[in-house]
Amino acid sequence: MFTVPMEENRNGVVKLVDFTADAVKTVINFFYTCEIETIESSEQLEELFRFSDKYDIAALKEYLEHESISKLSDQNVCMLLEMSVRSNAFNLKEACFSFLEECIMVGASVQGLEELDSGILKDVVISAMKKRQGACIPSVKDAGNINEDVGSGE
């Protein structure tokens, strides 16, 4: 089982005390099928993200990120963003960031925004404002062309 001198190698038992039996069973099934039948709750999803992060199971993390990104909504984006930060799910974090930036730019309502970690919220708002300013302010090159067009009577 293990090639290094560890207790698990001596007794043939690996104890996973940080996770529920259901989570361990789900991960083992994932190893065989490369999919997860259902995720019943946000708690289960977070436990699976923690499992993938703790044991560095990239395929599981990628699967969970893909599934979560495909279900992003104004109802779950804040919860998923905080979960992504806690479990080092960088692709999910980026998708949540982009989703929130768009919501901020169009003034859409987002559930849980007021409970979002203040540091994360600050980063999202600053990023959205930078994007908004970049979209509204012509570049120096464009401003030069505008002045030339105005000056030539066009």
Protein backbone atom coordinates (compact mmCIF):
# COMPACT_ATOMS: atom_id res chain seq x y z
CA MET A 1 0.00 0.00 0.00
CA PHE A 2 2.64 2.57 1.08
CA THR A 3 6.36 2.32 0.47
CA VAL A 4 7.53 4.63 3.26
CA PRO A 5 7.68 3.63 6.93
CA MET A 6 4.33 4.93 8.17
CA GLU A 7 1.75 3.54 10.56
CA GLU A 8 -0.63 3.08 7.61
CA ASN A 9 1.95 0.85 5.96
CA ARG A 10 2.36 -1.29 9.08
CA ASN A 11 -1.32 -1.85 9.83
CA GLY A 12 -2.85 -1.46 6.35
CA VAL A 13 -5.40 1.13 7.54
CA VAL A 14 -5.80 4.74 6.44
CA LYS A 15 -7.88 6.89 8.79
CA LEU A 16 -9.68 9.86 7.28
CA VAL A 17 -10.99 11.53 10.42
CA ASP A 18 -11.67 14.98 8.94
CA PHE A 19 -14.42 13.83 6.60
CA THR A 20 -17.77 12.07 6.77
CA ALA A 21 -18.18 8.52 5.53
CA ASP A 22 -20.47 9.85 2.78
CA ALA A 23 -17.75 12.20 1.53
CA VAL A 24 -15.15 9.42 1.48
CA LYS A 25 -17.58 7.12 -0.36
CA THR A 26 -18.35 9.87 -2.88
CA VAL A 27 -14.64 10.44 -3.55
CA ILE A 28 -13.95 6.71 -3.96
CA ASN A 29 -16.85 6.46 -6.42
CA PHE A 30 -15.44 9.50 -8.23
CA PHE A 31 -12.10 7.70 -8.63
CA TYR A 32 -13.91 4.91 -10.49
CA THR A 33 -16.47 6.90 -12.49
CA CYS A 34 -14.97 10.42 -12.80
CA GLU A 35 -18.33 11.87 -11.86
CA ILE A 36 -20.52 12.55 -8.85
CA GLU A 37 -24.16 11.50 -9.04
CA THR A 38 -25.63 14.24 -6.85
CA ILE A 39 -24.46 16.85 -4.43
CA GLU A 40 -27.22 17.27 -1.89
CA SER A 41 -26.15 20.47 -0.13
CA SER A 42 -23.65 23.29 0.02
CA GLU A 43 -22.16 21.58 3.10
CA GLN A 44 -21.51 18.43 1.08
CA LEU A 45 -20.01 20.48 -1.75
CA GLU A 46 -17.70 22.30 0.65
CA GLU A 47 -16.61 19.04 2.27
CA LEU A 48 -15.73 17.62 -1.15
CA PHE A 49 -13.79 20.79 -2.01
CA ARG A 50 -11.90 20.50 1.31
CA PHE A 51 -11.17 16.83 0.54
CA SER A 52 -9.84 17.68 -2.92
CA ASP A 53 -7.70 20.47 -1.47
CA LYS A 54 -6.32 18.52 1.49
CA TYR A 55 -5.32 15.49 -0.59
CA ASP A 56 -4.46 17.50 -3.72
CA ILE A 57 -6.90 15.67 -5.99
CA ALA A 58 -6.86 17.96 -9.01
CA ALA A 59 -9.39 15.98 -11.06
CA LEU A 60 -11.95 16.14 -8.25
CA LYS A 61 -11.39 19.85 -7.70
CA GLU A 62 -11.70 20.56 -11.43
CA TYR A 63 -14.91 18.54 -11.59
CA LEU A 64 -16.40 20.37 -8.60
CA GLU A 65 -15.36 23.74 -10.01
CA HIS A 66 -16.87 22.96 -13.42
CA GLU A 67 -20.15 21.83 -11.86
CA SER A 68 -20.28 24.86 -9.56
CA ILE A 69 -19.47 27.34 -12.33
CA SER A 70 -22.22 25.89 -14.52
CA LYS A 71 -24.73 26.58 -11.73
CA LEU A 72 -23.57 30.09 -10.75
CA SER A 73 -26.44 32.44 -9.97
CA ASP A 74 -27.22 35.58 -8.01
CA GLN A 75 -28.52 33.22 -5.31
CA ASN A 76 -25.29 31.24 -4.75
CA VAL A 77 -22.36 33.29 -6.06
CA CYS A 78 -21.34 34.77 -2.68
CA MET A 79 -21.48 31.40 -0.95
CA LEU A 80 -19.46 29.79 -3.76
CA LEU A 81 -16.93 32.62 -3.76
CA GLU A 82 -16.21 32.22 -0.06
CA MET A 83 -16.07 28.44 -0.48
CA SER A 84 -13.61 28.81 -3.35
CA VAL A 85 -11.31 30.95 -1.20
CA ARG A 86 -11.39 28.47 1.71
CA SER A 87 -10.62 25.50 -0.56
CA ASN A 88 -8.15 27.11 -2.99
CA ALA A 89 -10.50 26.56 -5.94
CA PHE A 90 -8.96 29.26 -8.13
CA ASN A 91 -11.03 28.68 -11.27
CA LEU A 92 -14.26 28.91 -9.29
CA LYS A 93 -12.99 32.02 -7.51
CA GLU A 94 -12.25 33.71 -10.82
CA ALA A 95 -15.67 32.80 -12.23
CA CYS A 96 -17.42 34.10 -9.10
CA PHE A 97 -15.37 37.29 -9.24
CA SER A 98 -16.35 37.90 -12.86
CA PHE A 99 -20.00 37.12 -12.14
CA LEU A 100 -20.07 39.55 -9.19
CA GLU A 101 -18.28 42.24 -11.16
CA GLU A 102 -20.96 42.03 -13.85
CA CYS A 103 -23.72 42.18 -11.23
CA ILE A 104 -22.13 45.28 -9.69
CA MET A 105 -21.69 46.95 -13.08
CA VAL A 106 -25.36 46.47 -14.02
CA GLY A 107 -26.69 47.07 -10.52
CA ALA A 108 -28.16 43.58 -10.12
CA SER A 109 -29.20 42.31 -6.72
CA VAL A 110 -27.08 39.50 -5.27
CA GLN A 111 -28.08 37.30 -2.35
CA GLY A 112 -25.55 37.26 0.48
CA LEU A 113 -23.54 40.26 -0.68
CA GLU A 114 -23.87 41.95 2.71
CA GLU A 115 -22.47 38.85 4.46
CA LEU A 116 -19.54 38.47 2.08
CA ASP A 117 -16.12 38.80 3.71
CA SER A 118 -15.21 42.50 3.61
CA GLY A 119 -11.78 41.86 2.09
CA ILE A 120 -13.25 39.80 -0.73
CA LEU A 121 -16.01 42.35 -1.32
CA LYS A 122 -13.48 45.16 -1.45
CA ASP A 123 -11.44 43.29 -4.09
CA VAL A 124 -14.56 42.63 -6.19
CA VAL A 125 -15.74 46.25 -6.05
CA ILE A 126 -12.32 47.66 -6.89
CA SER A 127 -11.94 45.27 -9.81
CA ALA A 128 -15.44 46.10 -11.11
CA MET A 129 -14.76 49.82 -10.84
CA LYS A 130 -11.48 49.49 -12.72
CA LYS A 131 -13.23 47.58 -15.49
CA ARG A 132 -16.04 50.10 -15.60
CA GLN A 133 -13.60 53.02 -15.78
CA GLY A 134 -11.65 51.26 -18.51
CA ALA A 135 -14.82 50.79 -20.54
CA CYS A 136 -15.95 54.41 -20.17
CA ILE A 137 -12.72 56.38 -20.49
CA PRO A 138 -11.17 56.60 -23.97
CA SER A 139 -7.49 55.86 -24.14
CA VAL A 140 -5.02 58.70 -24.67
CA LYS A 141 -4.57 57.59 -28.28
CA ASP A 142 -8.36 57.65 -28.88
CA ALA A 143 -8.64 61.05 -27.18
CA GLY A 144 -6.03 62.44 -29.60
CA ASN A 145 -8.05 61.18 -32.56
CA ILE A 146 -11.23 62.70 -31.16
CA ASN A 147 -9.57 66.12 -30.88
CA GLU A 148 -8.23 65.90 -34.42
CA ASP A 149 -11.69 64.96 -35.75
CA VAL A 150 -13.34 67.85 -33.89
CA GLY A 151 -10.66 70.30 -35.03
CA SER A 152 -11.01 69.31 -38.69
CA GLY A 153 -14.74 69.97 -38.70
CA GLU A 154 -15.78 66.36 -39.27
